[in-house]
Amino acid sequence: MAAPRRKFAKKYCKYSEMKVEFIDYKNLELIKMSLSERGKIMPRRLTGTSKRAQEMLEMAAKRARHMALVPYVVNTHNVTTPAFVK
């Protein structure tokens, strides 16, 4: 009996693909790739990030929060304008 086929694409590490050696807390473009819209760090099982890159990302995101480059909490209750304009 053959194994069932996958219905989704295999996840891969974006940081390994871009050949990133180190994720710095000042490089917000790299950090925001793995943050949700509420500012939470996305887990490895969803993003496909390697263990090494996820650890670097976690440290960089926490340092960026501490330096106030990335917010700890994003308040979505008091938003008066829509998220996107048609």
N, C-alpha and C. Protein backbone atom coordinates (compact mmCIF):
# COMPACT_ATOMS: atom_id res chain seq x y z
N MET A 1 0.84 -1.19 0.00
CA MET A 1 0.00 0.00 0.00
C MET A 1 0.89 1.25 0.00
N ALA A 2 0.62 2.14 -0.89
CA ALA A 2 1.42 3.36 -1.03
C ALA A 2 1.04 4.38 0.03
N ALA A 3 2.02 5.17 0.41
CA ALA A 3 1.77 6.22 1.40
C ALA A 3 0.95 7.33 0.75
N PRO A 4 0.08 7.97 1.52
CA PRO A 4 -0.72 9.07 0.94
C PRO A 4 0.17 10.25 0.55
N ARG A 5 -0.21 10.90 -0.53
CA ARG A 5 0.57 12.03 -1.02
C ARG A 5 0.30 13.27 -0.19
N ARG A 6 1.28 14.14 -0.13
CA ARG A 6 1.13 15.40 0.60
C ARG A 6 0.21 16.33 -0.17
N LYS A 7 -0.59 17.07 0.56
CA LYS A 7 -1.50 18.03 -0.07
C LYS A 7 -0.98 19.46 0.05
N PHE A 8 0.22 19.59 0.61
CA PHE A 8 0.79 20.92 0.80
C PHE A 8 2.27 20.89 0.43
N ALA A 9 2.81 22.05 0.16
CA ALA A 9 4.22 22.14 -0.22
C ALA A 9 5.10 21.97 1.01
N LYS A 10 6.27 21.41 0.80
CA LYS A 10 7.21 21.23 1.90
C LYS A 10 7.72 22.59 2.36
N LYS A 11 7.77 22.77 3.68
CA LYS A 11 8.25 24.04 4.23
C LYS A 11 9.77 24.06 4.18
N TYR A 12 10.33 25.24 3.99
CA TYR A 12 11.77 25.40 3.95
C TYR A 12 12.13 26.67 4.72
N CYS A 13 13.37 26.75 5.13
CA CYS A 13 13.84 27.88 5.92
C CYS A 13 14.18 29.05 4.99
N LYS A 14 13.48 30.16 5.17
CA LYS A 14 13.73 31.34 4.34
C LYS A 14 15.11 31.92 4.60
N TYR A 15 15.57 31.82 5.84
CA TYR A 15 16.86 32.40 6.20
C TYR A 15 18.02 31.59 5.63
N SER A 16 17.88 30.27 5.60
CA SER A 16 18.92 29.43 4.99
C SER A 16 18.94 29.65 3.48
N GLU A 17 17.76 29.83 2.90
CA GLU A 17 17.66 30.08 1.46
C GLU A 17 18.37 31.39 1.07
N MET A 18 18.24 32.41 1.94
CA MET A 18 18.88 33.71 1.67
C MET A 18 20.34 33.74 2.14
N LYS A 19 20.81 32.62 2.72
CA LYS A 19 22.18 32.49 3.23
C LYS A 19 22.49 33.55 4.29
N VAL A 20 21.59 33.69 5.25
CA VAL A 20 21.77 34.63 6.35
C VAL A 20 22.62 33.96 7.41
N GLU A 21 23.74 34.58 7.76
CA GLU A 21 24.64 34.04 8.78
C GLU A 21 24.18 34.40 10.19
N PHE A 22 23.68 35.63 10.35
CA PHE A 22 23.29 36.13 11.67
C PHE A 22 22.10 37.07 11.52
N ILE A 23 21.13 36.95 12.40
CA ILE A 23 19.97 37.84 12.38
C ILE A 23 20.19 38.87 13.48
N ASP A 24 20.38 40.12 13.07
CA ASP A 24 20.65 41.20 14.01
C ASP A 24 19.34 41.87 14.42
N TYR A 25 19.27 42.36 15.66
CA TYR A 25 18.05 43.00 16.15
C TYR A 25 17.76 44.31 15.43
N LYS A 26 18.75 44.91 14.79
CA LYS A 26 18.55 46.16 14.07
C LYS A 26 18.00 45.96 12.66
N ASN A 27 18.05 44.73 12.17
CA ASN A 27 17.56 44.42 10.83
C ASN A 27 16.09 44.03 10.92
N LEU A 28 15.21 45.02 10.91
CA LEU A 28 13.79 44.78 11.13
C LEU A 28 13.13 44.06 9.96
N GLU A 29 13.66 44.18 8.76
CA GLU A 29 13.08 43.49 7.62
C GLU A 29 13.17 41.98 7.79
N LEU A 30 14.30 41.50 8.29
CA LEU A 30 14.45 40.06 8.53
C LEU A 30 13.56 39.60 9.68
N ILE A 31 13.47 40.39 10.72
CA ILE A 31 12.69 40.01 11.90
C ILE A 31 11.20 39.98 11.57
N LYS A 32 10.72 40.98 10.85
CA LYS A 32 9.28 41.08 10.57
C LYS A 32 8.78 39.99 9.62
N MET A 33 9.69 39.30 8.94
CA MET A 33 9.28 38.19 8.09
C MET A 33 8.64 37.07 8.91
N SER A 34 9.07 36.92 10.16
CA SER A 34 8.57 35.83 11.00
C SER A 34 7.75 36.31 12.18
N LEU A 35 7.24 37.54 12.11
CA LEU A 35 6.34 38.04 13.14
C LEU A 35 4.92 38.08 12.58
N SER A 36 3.94 37.81 13.43
CA SER A 36 2.55 37.91 12.99
C SER A 36 2.14 39.38 12.96
N GLU A 37 0.94 39.64 12.48
CA GLU A 37 0.47 41.03 12.42
C GLU A 37 0.27 41.63 13.81
N ARG A 38 0.18 40.78 14.82
CA ARG A 38 0.06 41.26 16.19
C ARG A 38 1.41 41.36 16.88
N GLY A 39 2.49 41.03 16.18
CA GLY A 39 3.83 41.17 16.74
C GLY A 39 4.34 39.93 17.43
N LYS A 40 3.67 38.81 17.30
CA LYS A 40 4.12 37.57 17.95
C LYS A 40 5.09 36.83 17.03
N ILE A 41 6.02 36.11 17.64
CA ILE A 41 6.98 35.32 16.88
C ILE A 41 6.26 34.06 16.39
N MET A 42 6.30 33.83 15.08
CA MET A 42 5.63 32.66 14.51
C MET A 42 6.43 31.40 14.84
N PRO A 43 5.74 30.29 15.15
CA PRO A 43 6.45 29.06 15.50
C PRO A 43 7.07 28.38 14.28
N ARG A 44 8.04 27.53 14.55
CA ARG A 44 8.75 26.81 13.48
C ARG A 44 7.82 25.93 12.67
N ARG A 45 6.85 25.32 13.32
CA ARG A 45 5.98 24.38 12.62
C ARG A 45 5.13 25.07 11.56
N LEU A 46 4.92 26.38 11.70
CA LEU A 46 4.15 27.14 10.70
C LEU A 46 5.03 27.75 9.63
N THR A 47 6.22 28.22 10.01
CA THR A 47 7.06 28.94 9.06
C THR A 47 8.07 28.04 8.36
N GLY A 48 8.43 26.90 8.96
CA GLY A 48 9.44 26.04 8.37
C GLY A 48 10.85 26.51 8.62
N THR A 49 11.04 27.44 9.53
CA THR A 49 12.36 27.97 9.85
C THR A 49 13.20 26.90 10.54
N SER A 50 14.49 26.88 10.25
CA SER A 50 15.38 25.91 10.89
C SER A 50 15.56 26.27 12.36
N LYS A 51 16.04 25.30 13.13
CA LYS A 51 16.20 25.50 14.57
C LYS A 51 17.20 26.61 14.86
N ARG A 52 18.31 26.61 14.13
CA ARG A 52 19.35 27.62 14.34
C ARG A 52 18.82 29.03 14.03
N ALA A 53 18.10 29.16 12.91
CA ALA A 53 17.58 30.47 12.52
C ALA A 53 16.47 30.90 13.48
N GLN A 54 15.65 29.95 13.97
CA GLN A 54 14.57 30.30 14.89
C GLN A 54 15.15 30.82 16.20
N GLU A 55 16.24 30.22 16.68
CA GLU A 55 16.87 30.69 17.91
C GLU A 55 17.44 32.09 17.74
N MET A 56 18.10 32.34 16.59
CA MET A 56 18.62 33.68 16.32
C MET A 56 17.49 34.69 16.20
N LEU A 57 16.41 34.28 15.54
CA LEU A 57 15.25 35.15 15.36
C LEU A 57 14.62 35.50 16.70
N GLU A 58 14.49 34.51 17.57
CA GLU A 58 13.90 34.74 18.88
C GLU A 58 14.71 35.75 19.68
N MET A 59 16.03 35.58 19.69
CA MET A 59 16.89 36.50 20.43
C MET A 59 16.83 37.91 19.82
N ALA A 60 16.84 38.00 18.50
CA ALA A 60 16.81 39.30 17.83
C ALA A 60 15.47 40.00 18.07
N ALA A 61 14.37 39.26 18.03
CA ALA A 61 13.05 39.87 18.25
C ALA A 61 12.92 40.37 19.68
N LYS A 62 13.41 39.60 20.63
CA LYS A 62 13.33 40.03 22.03
C LYS A 62 14.21 41.25 22.28
N ARG A 63 15.38 41.29 21.65
CA ARG A 63 16.25 42.47 21.80
C ARG A 63 15.61 43.68 21.14
N ALA A 64 15.00 43.49 19.97
CA ALA A 64 14.35 44.61 19.28
C ALA A 64 13.17 45.13 20.09
N ARG A 65 12.44 44.25 20.75
CA ARG A 65 11.35 44.70 21.63
C ARG A 65 11.91 45.51 22.80
N HIS A 66 13.00 45.02 23.37
CA HIS A 66 13.61 45.71 24.50
C HIS A 66 14.11 47.10 24.11
N MET A 67 14.60 47.24 22.88
CA MET A 67 15.09 48.53 22.39
C MET A 67 13.97 49.38 21.79
N ALA A 68 12.72 48.90 21.86
CA ALA A 68 11.53 49.60 21.37
C ALA A 68 11.53 49.78 19.86
N LEU A 69 12.16 48.85 19.14
CA LEU A 69 12.10 48.87 17.68
C LEU A 69 10.88 48.11 17.18
N VAL A 70 10.45 47.12 17.97
CA VAL A 70 9.27 46.31 17.67
C VAL A 70 8.39 46.36 18.92
N PRO A 71 7.07 46.57 18.77
CA PRO A 71 6.22 46.65 19.96
C PRO A 71 6.02 45.28 20.62
N TYR A 72 5.84 45.30 21.94
CA TYR A 72 5.50 44.08 22.67
C TYR A 72 4.08 43.65 22.34
N VAL A 73 3.16 44.63 22.37
CA VAL A 73 1.73 44.35 22.17
C VAL A 73 1.20 45.31 21.12
N VAL A 74 0.36 44.78 20.22
CA VAL A 74 -0.30 45.61 19.22
C VAL A 74 -1.78 45.65 19.58
N ASN A 75 -2.27 46.84 19.85
CA ASN A 75 -3.67 47.00 20.24
C ASN A 75 -4.51 47.15 18.98
N THR A 76 -5.41 46.20 18.75
CA THR A 76 -6.26 46.26 17.56
C THR A 76 -7.67 46.71 17.90
N HIS A 77 -7.97 46.97 19.16
CA HIS A 77 -9.32 47.36 19.56
C HIS A 77 -9.61 48.83 19.25
N ASN A 78 -8.61 49.69 19.36
CA ASN A 78 -8.82 51.13 19.19
C ASN A 78 -8.46 51.62 17.79
N VAL A 79 -8.47 50.75 16.82
CA VAL A 79 -8.16 51.13 15.45
C VAL A 79 -9.38 51.82 14.84
N THR A 80 -9.20 53.05 14.37
CA THR A 80 -10.34 53.79 13.83
C THR A 80 -10.41 53.69 12.30
N THR A 81 -9.26 53.50 11.67
CA THR A 81 -9.26 53.37 10.22
C THR A 81 -9.22 51.90 9.84
N PRO A 82 -9.75 51.54 8.67
CA PRO A 82 -9.71 50.14 8.26
C PRO A 82 -8.27 49.71 7.95
N ALA A 83 -8.05 48.40 7.99
CA ALA A 83 -6.72 47.86 7.75
C ALA A 83 -6.25 48.15 6.33
N PHE A 84 -7.18 48.18 5.40
CA PHE A 84 -6.83 48.49 4.02
C PHE A 84 -7.96 49.32 3.41
N VAL A 85 -7.62 50.14 2.46
CA VAL A 85 -8.59 51.01 1.82
C VAL A 85 -8.83 50.48 0.42
N LYS A 86 -10.10 50.38 0.05
CA LYS A 86 -10.45 49.87 -1.28
C LYS A 86 -10.24 50.91 -2.34
